[in-house]
């Protein structure tokens, strides 16, 4: 009744998305990471459009487009917190300890 391979594949996809969004947050939250932080979201958006036109499959498109949107959202939040001055840098964190 339950397909174990499906759940293993789903776990892999979720793990990759979480890792990708975490890495995007780390890169985008650096004070000088404005341009390096935008590389992954733009690449993922272009990849999702390419996937849609190559395979014409909405599910494949969504599986690539949703993580791209998450990366764009994380990039926006990180850059906004740096602009507002609410981001905690590593130097401030070391001083608190």
PDB file of N, CA and C in Angstrom:
ATOM      1  N   UNK A   1       0.813  -1.182   0.000  1.00  0.00           N
ATOM      2  CA  UNK A   1       0.000   0.000   0.000  1.00  0.00           C
ATOM      3  C   UNK A   1       0.867   1.260   0.000  1.00  0.00           C
ATOM      4  N   UNK A   2       1.849   1.351   0.904  1.00  0.00           N
ATOM      5  CA  UNK A   2       2.727   2.507   0.955  1.00  0.00           C
ATOM      6  C   UNK A   2       3.975   2.224   0.137  1.00  0.00           C
ATOM      7  N   UNK A   3       4.323   3.140  -0.728  1.00  0.00           N
ATOM      8  CA  UNK A   3       5.502   2.972  -1.569  1.00  0.00           C
ATOM      9  C   UNK A   3       6.709   3.591  -0.868  1.00  0.00           C
ATOM     10  N   UNK A   4       7.597   2.749  -0.406  1.00  0.00           N
ATOM     11  CA  UNK A   4       8.759   3.212   0.349  1.00  0.00           C
ATOM     12  C   UNK A   4       9.680   4.054  -0.532  1.00  0.00           C
ATOM     13  N   UNK A   5       9.846   3.685  -1.783  1.00  0.00           N
ATOM     14  CA  UNK A   5      10.723   4.438  -2.673  1.00  0.00           C
ATOM     15  C   UNK A   5      10.228   5.875  -2.867  1.00  0.00           C
ATOM     16  N   UNK A   6       8.919   6.037  -2.913  1.00  0.00           N
ATOM     17  CA  UNK A   6       8.363   7.388  -3.052  1.00  0.00           C
ATOM     18  C   UNK A   6       8.724   8.235  -1.845  1.00  0.00           C
ATOM     19  N   UNK A   7       8.574   7.687  -0.649  1.00  0.00           N
ATOM     20  CA  UNK A   7       8.873   8.450   0.552  1.00  0.00           C
ATOM     21  C   UNK A   7      10.368   8.732   0.679  1.00  0.00           C
ATOM     22  N   UNK A   8      11.207   7.817   0.241  1.00  0.00           N
ATOM     23  CA  UNK A   8      12.652   8.072   0.244  1.00  0.00           C
ATOM     24  C   UNK A   8      13.002   9.193  -0.730  1.00  0.00           C
ATOM     25  N   UNK A   9      12.396   9.173  -1.916  1.00  0.00           N
ATOM     26  CA  UNK A   9      12.639  10.227  -2.901  1.00  0.00           C
ATOM     27  C   UNK A   9      12.118  11.568  -2.399  1.00  0.00           C
ATOM     28  N   UNK A  10      10.970  11.557  -1.749  1.00  0.00           N
ATOM     29  CA  UNK A  10      10.416  12.783  -1.193  1.00  0.00           C
ATOM     30  C   UNK A  10      11.326  13.346  -0.100  1.00  0.00           C
ATOM     31  N   UNK A  11      11.883  12.483   0.725  1.00  0.00           N
ATOM     32  CA  UNK A  11      12.824  12.915   1.749  1.00  0.00           C
ATOM     33  C   UNK A  11      14.080  13.528   1.150  1.00  0.00           C
ATOM     34  N   UNK A  12      14.552  12.959   0.057  1.00  0.00           N
ATOM     35  CA  UNK A  12      15.726  13.520  -0.621  1.00  0.00           C
ATOM     36  C   UNK A  12      15.432  14.911  -1.159  1.00  0.00           C
ATOM     37  N   UNK A  13      14.269  15.065  -1.775  1.00  0.00           N
ATOM     38  CA  UNK A  13      13.899  16.365  -2.334  1.00  0.00           C
ATOM     39  C   UNK A  13      13.777  17.407  -1.229  1.00  0.00           C
ATOM     40  N   UNK A  14      13.114  17.055  -0.150  1.00  0.00           N
ATOM     41  CA  UNK A  14      12.951  17.995   0.959  1.00  0.00           C
ATOM     42  C   UNK A  14      14.302  18.362   1.568  1.00  0.00           C
ATOM     43  N   UNK A  15      15.190  17.393   1.716  1.00  0.00           N
ATOM     44  CA  UNK A  15      16.525  17.664   2.263  1.00  0.00           C
ATOM     45  C   UNK A  15      17.320  18.589   1.361  1.00  0.00           C
ATOM     46  N   UNK A  16      17.252  18.367   0.056  1.00  0.00           N
ATOM     47  CA  UNK A  16      17.974  19.234  -0.879  1.00  0.00           C
ATOM     48  C   UNK A  16      17.429  20.648  -0.861  1.00  0.00           C
ATOM     49  N   UNK A  17      16.111  20.786  -0.771  1.00  0.00           N
ATOM     50  CA  UNK A  17      15.518  22.121  -0.738  1.00  0.00           C
ATOM     51  C   UNK A  17      15.931  22.848   0.534  1.00  0.00           C
ATOM     52  N   UNK A  18      15.906  22.165   1.659  1.00  0.00           N
ATOM     53  CA  UNK A  18      16.310  22.790   2.917  1.00  0.00           C
ATOM     54  C   UNK A  18      17.771  23.211   2.871  1.00  0.00           C
ATOM     55  N   UNK A  19      18.636  22.359   2.342  1.00  0.00           N
ATOM     56  CA  UNK A  19      20.062  22.704   2.228  1.00  0.00           C
ATOM     57  C   UNK A  19      20.267  23.895   1.296  1.00  0.00           C
ATOM     58  N   UNK A  20      19.540  23.906   0.186  1.00  0.00           N
ATOM     59  CA  UNK A  20      19.690  24.990  -0.778  1.00  0.00           C
ATOM     60  C   UNK A  20      19.234  26.317  -0.174  1.00  0.00           C
ATOM     61  N   UNK A  21      18.121  26.319   0.524  1.00  0.00           N
ATOM     62  CA  UNK A  21      17.618  27.542   1.135  1.00  0.00           C
ATOM     63  C   UNK A  21      18.545  27.998   2.267  1.00  0.00           C
ATOM     64  N   UNK A  22      19.090  27.064   3.024  1.00  0.00           N
ATOM     65  CA  UNK A  22      20.035  27.417   4.089  1.00  0.00           C
ATOM     66  C   UNK A  22      21.293  28.048   3.500  1.00  0.00           C
ATOM     67  N   UNK A  23      21.828  27.454   2.448  1.00  0.00           N
ATOM     68  CA  UNK A  23      23.041  28.003   1.819  1.00  0.00           C
ATOM     69  C   UNK A  23      22.751  29.388   1.252  1.00  0.00           C
ATOM     70  N   UNK A  24      21.569  29.555   0.659  1.00  0.00           N
ATOM     71  CA  UNK A  24      21.203  30.874   0.144  1.00  0.00           C
ATOM     72  C   UNK A  24      21.149  31.903   1.270  1.00  0.00           C
ATOM     73  N   UNK A  25      20.614  31.516   2.408  1.00  0.00           N
ATOM     74  CA  UNK A  25      20.554  32.426   3.546  1.00  0.00           C
ATOM     75  C   UNK A  25      21.925  32.808   4.057  1.00  0.00           C
ATOM     76  N   UNK A  26      22.830  31.856   4.077  1.00  0.00           N
ATOM     77  CA  UNK A  26      24.192  32.131   4.543  1.00  0.00           C
ATOM     78  C   UNK A  26      24.904  33.080   3.587  1.00  0.00           C
ATOM     79  N   UNK A  27      24.763  32.830   2.288  1.00  0.00           N
ATOM     80  CA  UNK A  27      25.445  33.672   1.302  1.00  0.00           C
ATOM     81  C   UNK A  27      24.823  35.065   1.248  1.00  0.00           C
ATOM     82  N   UNK A  28      23.504  35.144   1.264  1.00  0.00           N
ATOM     83  CA  UNK A  28      22.834  36.439   1.123  1.00  0.00           C
ATOM     84  C   UNK A  28      22.947  37.292   2.379  1.00  0.00           C
ATOM     85  N   UNK A  29      23.202  36.684   3.522  1.00  0.00           N
ATOM     86  CA  UNK A  29      23.259  37.464   4.752  1.00  0.00           C
ATOM     87  C   UNK A  29      24.622  38.084   5.004  1.00  0.00           C
ATOM     88  N   UNK A  30      25.582  37.798   4.175  1.00  0.00           N
ATOM     89  CA  UNK A  30      26.876  38.475   4.304  1.00  0.00           C
ATOM     90  C   UNK A  30      26.732  39.926   3.856  1.00  0.00           C
ATOM     91  N   UNK A  31      27.378  40.856   4.526  1.00  0.00           N
ATOM     92  CA  UNK A  31      27.236  42.275   4.145  1.00  0.00           C
ATOM     93  C   UNK A  31      27.670  42.553   2.705  1.00  0.00           C
ATOM     94  N   UNK A  32      28.671  41.842   2.217  1.00  0.00           N
ATOM     95  CA  UNK A  32      29.113  42.054   0.842  1.00  0.00           C
ATOM     96  C   UNK A  32      28.596  40.960  -0.097  1.00  0.00           C
ATOM     97  N   UNK A  33      27.518  40.294   0.264  1.00  0.00           N
ATOM     98  CA  UNK A  33      26.990  39.188  -0.537  1.00  0.00           C
ATOM     99  C   UNK A  33      25.822  39.560  -1.416  1.00  0.00           C
ATOM    100  N   UNK A  34      25.734  40.849  -1.787  1.00  0.00           N
ATOM    101  CA  UNK A  34      24.584  41.277  -2.586  1.00  0.00           C
ATOM    102  C   UNK A  34      24.543  40.583  -3.938  1.00  0.00           C
ATOM    103  N   UNK A  35      25.647  40.579  -4.635  1.00  0.00           N
ATOM    104  CA  UNK A  35      25.646  39.992  -5.988  1.00  0.00           C
ATOM    105  C   UNK A  35      25.876  38.492  -5.957  1.00  0.00           C
ATOM    106  N   UNK A  36      26.631  38.014  -5.017  1.00  0.00           N
ATOM    107  CA  UNK A  36      26.830  36.564  -4.948  1.00  0.00           C
ATOM    108  C   UNK A  36      25.575  35.863  -4.436  1.00  0.00           C
ATOM    109  N   UNK A  37      24.765  36.556  -3.657  1.00  0.00           N
ATOM    110  CA  UNK A  37      23.544  35.967  -3.138  1.00  0.00           C
ATOM    111  C   UNK A  37      22.442  35.847  -4.169  1.00  0.00           C
ATOM    112  N   UNK A  38      22.505  36.630  -5.221  1.00  0.00           N
ATOM    113  CA  UNK A  38      21.450  36.609  -6.232  1.00  0.00           C
ATOM    114  C   UNK A  38      21.696  35.528  -7.294  1.00  0.00           C
ATOM    115  N   UNK A  39      22.886  34.946  -7.297  1.00  0.00           N
ATOM    116  CA  UNK A  39      23.226  33.961  -8.333  1.00  0.00           C
ATOM    117  C   UNK A  39      22.329  32.721  -8.244  1.00  0.00           C
ATOM    118  N   UNK A  40      22.165  32.153  -7.063  1.00  0.00           N
ATOM    119  CA  UNK A  40      21.369  30.932  -6.920  1.00  0.00           C
ATOM    120  C   UNK A  40      19.896  31.146  -7.253  1.00  0.00           C
ATOM    121  N   UNK A  41      19.233  32.200  -6.755  1.00  0.00           N
ATOM    122  CA  UNK A  41      17.822  32.379  -7.136  1.00  0.00           C
ATOM    123  C   UNK A  41      17.613  32.592  -8.625  1.00  0.00           C
ATOM    124  N   UNK A  42      18.483  33.374  -9.251  1.00  0.00           N
ATOM    125  CA  UNK A  42      18.343  33.606 -10.689  1.00  0.00           C
ATOM    126  C   UNK A  42      18.592  32.316 -11.460  1.00  0.00           C
ATOM    127  N   UNK A  43      19.613  31.574 -11.065  1.00  0.00           N
ATOM    128  CA  UNK A  43      19.899  30.301 -11.730  1.00  0.00           C
ATOM    129  C   UNK A  43      18.722  29.337 -11.588  1.00  0.00           C
ATOM    130  N   UNK A  44      18.127  29.274 -10.399  1.00  0.00           N
ATOM    131  CA  UNK A  44      17.001  28.371 -10.184  1.00  0.00           C
ATOM    132  C   UNK A  44      15.765  28.811 -10.970  1.00  0.00           C
ATOM    133  N   UNK A  45      15.525  30.111 -11.084  1.00  0.00           N
ATOM    134  CA  UNK A  45      14.397  30.583 -11.883  1.00  0.00           C
ATOM    135  C   UNK A  45      14.578  30.254 -13.358  1.00  0.00           C
ATOM    136  N   UNK A  46      15.781  30.476 -13.865  1.00  0.00           N
ATOM    137  CA  UNK A  46      16.065  30.135 -15.271  1.00  0.00           C
ATOM    138  C   UNK A  46      15.952  28.631 -15.479  1.00  0.00           C
ATOM    139  N   UNK A  47      16.446  27.858 -14.531  1.00  0.00           N
ATOM    140  CA  UNK A  47      16.350  26.403 -14.634  1.00  0.00           C
ATOM    141  C   UNK A  47      14.898  25.944 -14.622  1.00  0.00           C
ATOM    142  N   UNK A  48      14.064  26.557 -13.798  1.00  0.00           N
ATOM    143  CA  UNK A  48      12.661  26.151 -13.747  1.00  0.00           C
ATOM    144  C   UNK A  48      11.947  26.472 -15.060  1.00  0.00           C
ATOM    145  N   UNK A  49      12.246  27.603 -15.656  1.00  0.00           N
ATOM    146  CA  UNK A  49      11.651  27.943 -16.952  1.00  0.00           C
ATOM    147  C   UNK A  49      12.137  26.970 -18.019  1.00  0.00           C
ATOM    148  N   UNK A  50      13.416  26.637 -17.986  1.00  0.00           N
ATOM    149  CA  UNK A  50      13.960  25.685 -18.952  1.00  0.00           C
ATOM    150  C   UNK A  50      13.304  24.311 -18.785  1.00  0.00           C
ATOM    151  N   UNK A  51      13.116  23.871 -17.544  1.00  0.00           N
ATOM    152  CA  UNK A  51      12.467  22.583 -17.280  1.00  0.00           C
ATOM    153  C   UNK A  51      11.044  22.584 -17.831  1.00  0.00           C
ATOM    154  N   UNK A  52      10.332  23.684 -17.631  1.00  0.00           N
ATOM    155  CA  UNK A  52       8.956  23.743 -18.120  1.00  0.00           C
ATOM    156  C   UNK A  52       8.898  23.640 -19.636  1.00  0.00           C
ATOM    157  N   UNK A  53       9.769  24.348 -20.327  1.00  0.00           N
ATOM    158  CA  UNK A  53       9.732  24.313 -21.790  1.00  0.00           C
ATOM    159  C   UNK A  53      10.303  23.033 -22.375  1.00  0.00           C
ATOM    160  N   UNK A  54      11.201  22.379 -21.657  1.00  0.00           N
ATOM    161  CA  UNK A  54      11.764  21.127 -22.167  1.00  0.00           C
ATOM    162  C   UNK A  54      10.803  19.954 -21.996  1.00  0.00           C
ATOM    163  N   UNK A  55      10.226  19.822 -20.813  1.00  0.00           N
ATOM    164  CA  UNK A  55       9.415  18.641 -20.526  1.00  0.00           C
ATOM    165  C   UNK A  55       7.918  18.898 -20.533  1.00  0.00           C
ATOM    166  N   UNK A  56       7.513  20.138 -20.544  1.00  0.00           N
ATOM    167  CA  UNK A  56       6.085  20.493 -20.548  1.00  0.00           C
ATOM    168  C   UNK A  56       5.312  19.783 -19.441  1.00  0.00           C
ATOM    169  N   UNK A  57       5.951  19.622 -18.300  1.00  0.00           N
ATOM    170  CA  UNK A  57       5.342  18.936 -17.175  1.00  0.00           C
ATOM    171  C   UNK A  57       5.247  19.912 -16.008  1.00  0.00           C
ATOM    172  N   UNK A  58       4.035  20.144 -15.551  1.00  0.00           N
ATOM    173  CA  UNK A  58       3.813  21.120 -14.498  1.00  0.00           C
ATOM    174  C   UNK A  58       4.415  20.684 -13.168  1.00  0.00           C
ATOM    175  N   UNK A  59       4.388  19.404 -12.887  1.00  0.00           N
ATOM    176  CA  UNK A  59       4.938  18.906 -11.618  1.00  0.00           C
ATOM    177  C   UNK A  59       6.446  19.163 -11.553  1.00  0.00           C
ATOM    178  N   UNK A  60       7.165  18.863 -12.631  1.00  0.00           N
ATOM    179  CA  UNK A  60       8.606  19.122 -12.648  1.00  0.00           C
ATOM    180  C   UNK A  60       8.878  20.615 -12.477  1.00  0.00           C
ATOM    181  N   UNK A  61       8.073  21.430 -13.146  1.00  0.00           N
ATOM    182  CA  UNK A  61       8.232  22.884 -13.044  1.00  0.00           C
ATOM    183  C   UNK A  61       8.033  23.347 -11.600  1.00  0.00           C
ATOM    184  N   UNK A  62       7.000  22.850 -10.951  1.00  0.00           N
ATOM    185  CA  UNK A  62       6.712  23.251  -9.565  1.00  0.00           C
ATOM    186  C   UNK A  62       7.819  22.788  -8.631  1.00  0.00           C
ATOM    187  N   UNK A  63       8.361  21.577  -8.862  1.00  0.00           N
ATOM    188  CA  UNK A  63       9.428  21.060  -8.000  1.00  0.00           C
ATOM    189  C   UNK A  63      10.707  21.882  -8.094  1.00  0.00           C
ATOM    190  N   UNK A  64      10.879  22.620  -9.181  1.00  0.00           N
ATOM    191  CA  UNK A  64      12.055  23.485  -9.303  1.00  0.00           C
ATOM    192  C   UNK A  64      11.700  24.933  -8.988  1.00  0.00           C
ATOM    193  N   UNK A  65      10.473  25.340  -9.307  1.00  0.00           N
ATOM    194  CA  UNK A  65      10.072  26.734  -9.136  1.00  0.00           C
ATOM    195  C   UNK A  65       9.848  27.115  -7.670  1.00  0.00           C
ATOM    196  N   UNK A  66       9.274  26.228  -6.882  1.00  0.00           N
ATOM    197  CA  UNK A  66       9.012  26.526  -5.470  1.00  0.00           C
ATOM    198  C   UNK A  66      10.313  26.764  -4.697  1.00  0.00           C
ATOM    199  N   UNK A  67      11.338  25.917  -4.831  1.00  0.00           N
ATOM    200  CA  UNK A  67      12.609  26.250  -4.159  1.00  0.00           C
ATOM    201  C   UNK A  67      13.235  27.550  -4.667  1.00  0.00           C
ATOM    202  N   UNK A  68      13.031  27.852  -5.953  1.00  0.00           N
ATOM    203  CA  UNK A  68      13.543  29.119  -6.483  1.00  0.00           C
ATOM    204  C   UNK A  68      12.847  30.297  -5.818  1.00  0.00           C
ATOM    205  N   UNK A  69      11.542  30.189  -5.632  1.00  0.00           N
ATOM    206  CA  UNK A  69      10.814  31.251  -4.935  1.00  0.00           C
ATOM    207  C   UNK A  69      11.242  31.364  -3.483  1.00  0.00           C
ATOM    208  N   UNK A  70      11.490  30.229  -2.838  1.00  0.00           N
ATOM    209  CA  UNK A  70      11.982  30.256  -1.458  1.00  0.00           C
ATOM    210  C   UNK A  70      13.335  30.959  -1.374  1.00  0.00           C
ATOM    211  N   UNK A  71      14.218  30.676  -2.329  1.00  0.00           N
ATOM    212  CA  UNK A  71      15.532  31.326  -2.344  1.00  0.00           C
ATOM    213  C   UNK A  71      15.394  32.828  -2.581  1.00  0.00           C
ATOM    214  N   UNK A  72      14.478  33.226  -3.462  1.00  0.00           N
ATOM    215  CA  UNK A  72      14.241  34.659  -3.691  1.00  0.00           C
ATOM    216  C   UNK A  72      13.722  35.326  -2.423  1.00  0.00           C
ATOM    217  N   UNK A  73      12.824  34.651  -1.717  1.00  0.00           N
ATOM    218  CA  UNK A  73      12.274  35.193  -0.482  1.00  0.00           C
ATOM    219  C   UNK A  73      13.361  35.322   0.592  1.00  0.00           C
ATOM    220  N   UNK A  74      14.188  34.302   0.737  1.00  0.00           N
ATOM    221  CA  UNK A  74      15.287  34.345   1.709  1.00  0.00           C
ATOM    222  C   UNK A  74      16.269  35.457   1.357  1.00  0.00           C
ATOM    223  N   UNK A  75      16.577  35.603   0.074  1.00  0.00           N
ATOM    224  CA  UNK A  75      17.476  36.670  -0.362  1.00  0.00           C
ATOM    225  C   UNK A  75      16.905  38.036   0.012  1.00  0.00           C
ATOM    226  N   UNK A  76      15.610  38.228  -0.255  1.00  0.00           N
ATOM    227  CA  UNK A  76      14.956  39.497   0.062  1.00  0.00           C
ATOM    228  C   UNK A  76      14.992  39.775   1.564  1.00  0.00           C
ATOM    229  N   UNK A  77      14.661  38.785   2.369  1.00  0.00           N
ATOM    230  CA  UNK A  77      14.642  38.962   3.823  1.00  0.00           C
ATOM    231  C   UNK A  77      16.045  39.289   4.348  1.00  0.00           C
ATOM    232  N   UNK A  78      17.048  38.566   3.860  1.00  0.00           N
ATOM    233  CA  UNK A  78      18.429  38.809   4.322  1.00  0.00           C
ATOM    234  C   UNK A  78      18.917  40.194   3.925  1.00  0.00           C
ATOM    235  N   UNK A  79      18.662  40.583   2.695  1.00  0.00           N
ATOM    236  CA  UNK A  79      19.127  41.901   2.259  1.00  0.00           C
ATOM    237  C   UNK A  79      18.385  43.022   2.968  1.00  0.00           C
ATOM    238  N   UNK A  80      17.089  42.815   3.257  1.00  0.00           N
ATOM    239  CA  UNK A  80      16.318  43.827   3.971  1.00  0.00           C
ATOM    240  C   UNK A  80      16.827  43.986   5.401  1.00  0.00           C
ATOM    241  N   UNK A  81      17.168  42.858   6.038  1.00  0.00           N
ATOM    242  CA  UNK A  81      17.673  42.952   7.412  1.00  0.00           C
ATOM    243  C   UNK A  81      19.038  43.624   7.453  1.00  0.00           C
ATOM    244  N   UNK A  82      19.842  43.427   6.431  1.00  0.00           N
ATOM    245  CA  UNK A  82      21.138  44.124   6.378  1.00  0.00           C
ATOM    246  C   UNK A  82      20.919  45.615   6.142  1.00  0.00           C
ATOM    247  N   UNK A  83      19.993  45.939   5.249  1.00  0.00           N
ATOM    248  CA  UNK A  83      19.708  47.350   4.956  1.00  0.00           C
ATOM    249  C   UNK A  83      19.148  48.075   6.179  1.00  0.00           C
ATOM    250  N   UNK A  84      18.278  47.405   6.939  1.00  0.00           N
ATOM    251  CA  UNK A  84      17.687  48.013   8.130  1.00  0.00           C
ATOM    252  C   UNK A  84      18.642  48.020   9.316  1.00  0.00           C
ATOM    253  N   UNK A  85      19.701  47.255   9.236  1.00  0.00           N
ATOM    254  CA  UNK A  85      20.653  47.184  10.338  1.00  0.00           C
ATOM    255  C   UNK A  85      20.244  46.206  11.420  1.00  0.00           C
ATOM    256  N   UNK A  86      19.303  45.338  11.135  1.00  0.00           N
ATOM    257  CA  UNK A  86      18.851  44.365  12.127  1.00  0.00           C
ATOM    258  C   UNK A  86      19.569  43.024  12.005  1.00  0.00           C
ATOM    259  N   UNK A  87      20.438  42.883  11.024  1.00  0.00           N
ATOM    260  CA  UNK A  87      21.174  41.629  10.848  1.00  0.00           C
ATOM    261  C   UNK A  87      22.261  41.524  11.898  1.00  0.00           C
ATOM    262  N   UNK A  88      22.448  40.350  12.413  1.00  0.00           N
ATOM    263  CA  UNK A  88      23.504  40.113  13.395  1.00  0.00           C
ATOM    264  C   UNK A  88      24.713  39.569  12.657  1.00  0.00           C
ATOM    265  N   UNK A  89      25.824  40.266  12.754  1.00  0.00           N
ATOM    266  CA  UNK A  89      27.034  39.790  12.100  1.00  0.00           C
ATOM    267  C   UNK A  89      27.783  38.856  13.037  1.00  0.00           C
ATOM    268  N   UNK A  90      28.746  38.162  12.498  1.00  0.00           N
ATOM    269  CA  UNK A  90      29.537  37.239  13.307  1.00  0.00           C
ATOM    270  C   UNK A  90      30.340  37.989  14.362  1.00  0.00           C
ATOM    271  N   UNK A  91      30.778  39.192  14.047  1.00  0.00           N
ATOM    272  CA  UNK A  91      31.542  39.975  15.014  1.00  0.00           C
ATOM    273  C   UNK A  91      30.684  40.339  16.219  1.00  0.00           C
ATOM    274  N   UNK A  92      29.444  40.721  15.998  1.00  0.00           N
ATOM    275  CA  UNK A  92      28.545  41.061  17.106  1.00  0.00           C
ATOM    276  C   UNK A  92      28.255  39.831  17.952  1.00  0.00           C
ATOM    277  N   UNK A  93      28.119  38.695  17.317  1.00  0.00           N
ATOM    278  CA  UNK A  93      27.805  37.458  18.038  1.00  0.00           C
ATOM    279  C   UNK A  93      28.989  37.053  18.923  1.00  0.00           C
ATOM    280  N   UNK A  94      30.193  37.246  18.427  1.00  0.00           N
ATOM    281  CA  UNK A  94      31.369  36.911  19.216  1.00  0.00           C
ATOM    282  C   UNK A  94      31.508  37.848  20.411  1.00  0.00           C
ATOM    283  N   UNK A  95      31.121  39.108  20.250  1.00  0.00           N
ATOM    284  CA  UNK A  95      31.216  40.047  21.351  1.00  0.00           C
ATOM    285  C   UNK A  95      30.201  39.729  22.443  1.00  0.00           C
ATOM    286  N   UNK A  96      29.044  39.181  22.063  1.00  0.00           N
ATOM    287  CA  UNK A  96      28.015  38.865  23.041  1.00  0.00           C
ATOM    288  C   UNK A  96      28.439  37.708  23.938  1.00  0.00           C
ATOM    289  N   UNK A  97      29.234  36.787  23.430  1.00  0.00           N
ATOM    290  CA  UNK A  97      29.652  35.622  24.201  1.00  0.00           C
ATOM    291  C   UNK A  97      30.765  35.940  25.092  1.00  0.00           C
TER     292      UNK A  97
END
